[in-house]
Amino acid sequence: MTEQVQDFSLPNVSVGPNPFTLSALSEDVSFVVLFFQRDYYCTNCRKQVQQLADRIEEFRKRNAEVVSIVPEPVERVEQWQETYDLPYALLADPNAEAGDAYDQPVRFGLLGRFSDFFGRMPEVVIIDRRSTEPKVVYVHRGSSTFDRPEIDEILDEIDEFSQT
């Protein structure tokens, strides 16, 4: 897979730099795992961000930075942070710029583009930052709100890439 890493600058309502950019991450971060969420109301997204919080140390042991990106205004994303107190970057992407840059799937054509609730699907992207030029090494583009990899699968992918 040779997809190019796209940097972005988005408001971060949780831990870490605000605004958040990939290029500003510490050099000791080997992997970045981007979790592109559907929208504020998505119950599966809400479950996922909480599961990630519960297992954040497993990512940190692998020098992997977890970043969750919600295509909503800062005020709505702040409500998630107030509710869940997430220990990793939680970014507001109100214009879905990062989601679009990473080809986050959108269903239902124009209707889906108009309403994230109907059209935007979850996506997970793993970026390997160990070489001079970071590269995308894994992408899972969901075809439904339920179509997202398990956390164990993502950790296994990181472990596999760590050995190369």
Protein backbone atom coordinates (compact mmCIF):
# COMPACT_ATOMS: atom_id res chain seq x y z
CA MET A 1 0.00 0.00 0.00
CA THR A 2 1.50 3.33 -0.99
CA GLU A 3 -1.13 5.86 -0.04
CA GLN A 4 0.44 9.20 0.75
CA VAL A 5 0.12 10.67 4.24
CA GLN A 6 -1.93 13.87 4.24
CA ASP A 7 -1.17 16.29 7.08
CA PHE A 8 -3.97 18.39 8.54
CA SER A 9 -4.54 20.90 11.29
CA LEU A 10 -7.69 20.41 13.37
CA PRO A 11 -8.96 21.58 16.77
CA ASN A 12 -8.17 19.07 19.54
CA VAL A 13 -10.57 19.05 22.50
CA SER A 14 -8.69 16.39 24.49
CA VAL A 15 -5.07 15.65 25.44
CA GLY A 16 -2.22 16.73 23.21
CA PRO A 17 -1.53 19.77 21.08
CA ASN A 18 -4.29 22.09 19.95
CA PRO A 19 -4.50 22.46 17.04
CA PHE A 20 -3.40 18.92 16.24
CA THR A 21 -1.14 18.20 13.27
CA LEU A 22 0.55 14.94 12.32
CA SER A 23 3.81 16.71 11.56
CA ALA A 24 4.05 18.11 15.10
CA LEU A 25 3.97 14.70 16.80
CA SER A 26 7.01 13.65 18.78
CA GLU A 27 9.64 11.66 16.90
CA ASP A 28 9.21 8.74 19.31
CA VAL A 29 5.70 8.10 17.95
CA SER A 30 6.19 5.16 15.58
CA PHE A 31 2.58 4.75 14.47
CA VAL A 32 -0.49 6.95 14.29
CA VAL A 33 -3.90 5.30 14.21
CA LEU A 34 -6.59 7.58 12.82
CA PHE A 35 -10.18 6.66 13.70
CA PHE A 36 -12.55 8.56 11.43
CA GLN A 37 -15.97 8.58 13.10
CA ARG A 38 -19.35 8.94 11.40
CA ASP A 39 -20.93 11.72 13.43
CA TYR A 40 -21.83 12.93 16.91
CA TYR A 41 -24.94 10.73 17.18
CA CYS A 42 -23.37 7.43 16.08
CA THR A 43 -23.72 4.93 18.95
CA ASN A 44 -21.09 2.59 17.47
CA CYS A 45 -18.65 5.51 17.30
CA ARG A 46 -19.34 6.36 20.92
CA LYS A 47 -18.69 2.76 21.95
CA GLN A 48 -15.47 2.68 19.94
CA VAL A 49 -13.99 5.83 21.51
CA GLN A 50 -14.69 4.40 24.97
CA GLN A 51 -13.14 1.03 24.08
CA LEU A 52 -10.06 2.83 22.79
CA ALA A 53 -9.82 4.75 26.06
CA ASP A 54 -10.00 1.48 28.01
CA ARG A 55 -7.11 0.03 25.99
CA ILE A 56 -4.99 3.12 25.38
CA GLU A 57 -1.98 1.69 27.24
CA GLU A 58 -1.76 -1.18 24.73
CA PHE A 59 -1.33 1.40 21.96
CA ARG A 60 1.18 3.41 23.97
CA LYS A 61 3.30 0.29 24.60
CA ARG A 62 3.59 0.03 20.82
CA ASN A 63 4.55 3.73 20.45
CA ALA A 64 1.24 4.26 18.68
CA GLU A 65 -0.72 7.49 18.93
CA VAL A 66 -4.52 7.14 18.82
CA VAL A 67 -6.43 9.98 17.17
CA SER A 68 -10.21 10.07 16.85
CA ILE A 69 -11.68 12.47 14.29
CA VAL A 70 -15.33 13.51 14.36
CA PRO A 71 -16.86 15.42 11.41
CA GLU A 72 -18.64 17.85 13.70
CA PRO A 73 -18.17 21.38 15.11
CA VAL A 74 -15.88 21.83 18.12
CA GLU A 75 -18.83 22.37 20.48
CA ARG A 76 -20.29 18.94 19.74
CA VAL A 77 -16.95 17.17 19.96
CA GLU A 78 -16.31 18.90 23.30
CA GLN A 79 -19.49 17.23 24.56
CA TRP A 80 -17.98 13.82 23.82
CA GLN A 81 -14.87 14.81 25.77
CA GLU A 82 -16.95 16.06 28.70
CA THR A 83 -18.89 12.80 28.70
CA TYR A 84 -16.08 10.28 28.12
CA ASP A 85 -12.88 12.05 29.32
CA LEU A 86 -10.82 10.46 26.54
CA PRO A 87 -7.05 10.11 27.16
CA TYR A 88 -6.05 10.64 23.52
CA ALA A 89 -6.50 13.28 20.80
CA LEU A 90 -10.15 13.96 19.90
CA LEU A 91 -10.39 16.21 16.88
CA ALA A 92 -13.23 18.26 15.44
CA ASP A 93 -13.36 18.17 11.64
CA PRO A 94 -16.47 20.28 10.92
CA ASN A 95 -15.87 20.43 7.17
CA ALA A 96 -14.70 16.78 6.94
CA GLU A 97 -11.42 17.98 5.41
CA ALA A 98 -9.31 15.23 7.00
CA GLY A 99 -11.97 12.62 6.28
CA ASP A 100 -12.05 13.65 2.64
CA ALA A 101 -8.24 13.74 2.42
CA TYR A 102 -8.15 10.12 3.58
CA ASP A 103 -11.10 9.05 1.39
CA GLN A 104 -13.44 8.28 4.27
CA PRO A 105 -16.32 6.43 2.59
CA VAL A 106 -19.57 8.29 2.00
CA ARG A 107 -22.75 6.52 0.87
CA PHE A 108 -25.88 7.85 -0.83
CA GLY A 109 -24.20 10.35 -3.15
CA LEU A 110 -25.25 13.96 -2.65
CA LEU A 111 -27.55 13.12 0.28
CA GLY A 112 -24.62 11.38 2.03
CA ARG A 113 -22.34 14.35 1.44
CA PHE A 114 -25.01 16.69 2.79
CA SER A 115 -25.62 14.66 5.95
CA ASP A 116 -22.87 12.72 7.72
CA PHE A 117 -25.61 10.90 9.64
CA PHE A 118 -26.80 9.22 6.44
CA GLY A 119 -23.65 8.91 4.41
CA ARG A 120 -20.30 9.01 6.22
CA MET A 121 -18.94 5.59 7.23
CA PRO A 122 -16.20 4.73 9.74
CA GLU A 123 -12.59 4.40 8.65
CA VAL A 124 -9.33 3.40 10.34
CA VAL A 125 -5.92 4.40 8.97
CA ILE A 126 -2.54 3.34 10.36
CA ILE A 127 0.43 5.54 9.52
CA ASP A 128 3.97 4.23 9.95
CA ARG A 129 6.29 7.12 10.93
CA ARG A 130 9.51 5.13 11.45
CA SER A 131 11.15 6.18 8.19
CA THR A 132 11.99 9.63 6.86
CA GLU A 133 8.77 9.72 4.88
CA PRO A 134 5.68 8.53 6.85
CA LYS A 135 3.44 6.14 4.94
CA VAL A 136 -0.06 4.71 5.19
CA VAL A 137 0.30 0.97 5.86
CA TYR A 138 -3.28 -0.04 6.68
CA VAL A 139 -6.75 1.24 5.80
CA HIS A 140 -10.14 -0.16 6.71
CA ARG A 141 -13.03 1.67 5.05
CA GLY A 142 -16.34 0.68 6.57
CA SER A 143 -19.38 -0.06 4.43
CA SER A 144 -21.80 0.32 7.36
CA THR A 145 -21.79 1.78 10.84
CA PHE A 146 -20.97 -1.69 12.18
CA ASP A 147 -18.12 -2.35 9.72
CA ARG A 148 -15.06 -1.43 11.76
CA PRO A 149 -12.09 -3.56 12.85
CA GLU A 150 -11.84 -4.84 16.39
CA ILE A 151 -9.17 -3.24 18.56
CA ASP A 152 -7.27 -6.54 18.74
CA GLU A 153 -7.10 -6.61 14.94
CA ILE A 154 -5.63 -3.09 14.87
CA LEU A 155 -3.06 -3.96 17.56
CA ASP A 156 -2.13 -7.11 15.61
CA GLU A 157 -1.58 -4.99 12.49
CA ILE A 158 0.70 -2.64 14.41
CA ASP A 159 2.63 -5.62 15.79
CA GLU A 160 3.02 -7.03 12.29
CA PHE A 161 4.30 -3.73 10.89
CA SER A 162 6.66 -3.34 13.86
CA GLN A 163 8.51 -6.47 12.71
CA THR A 164 9.23 -5.11 9.23
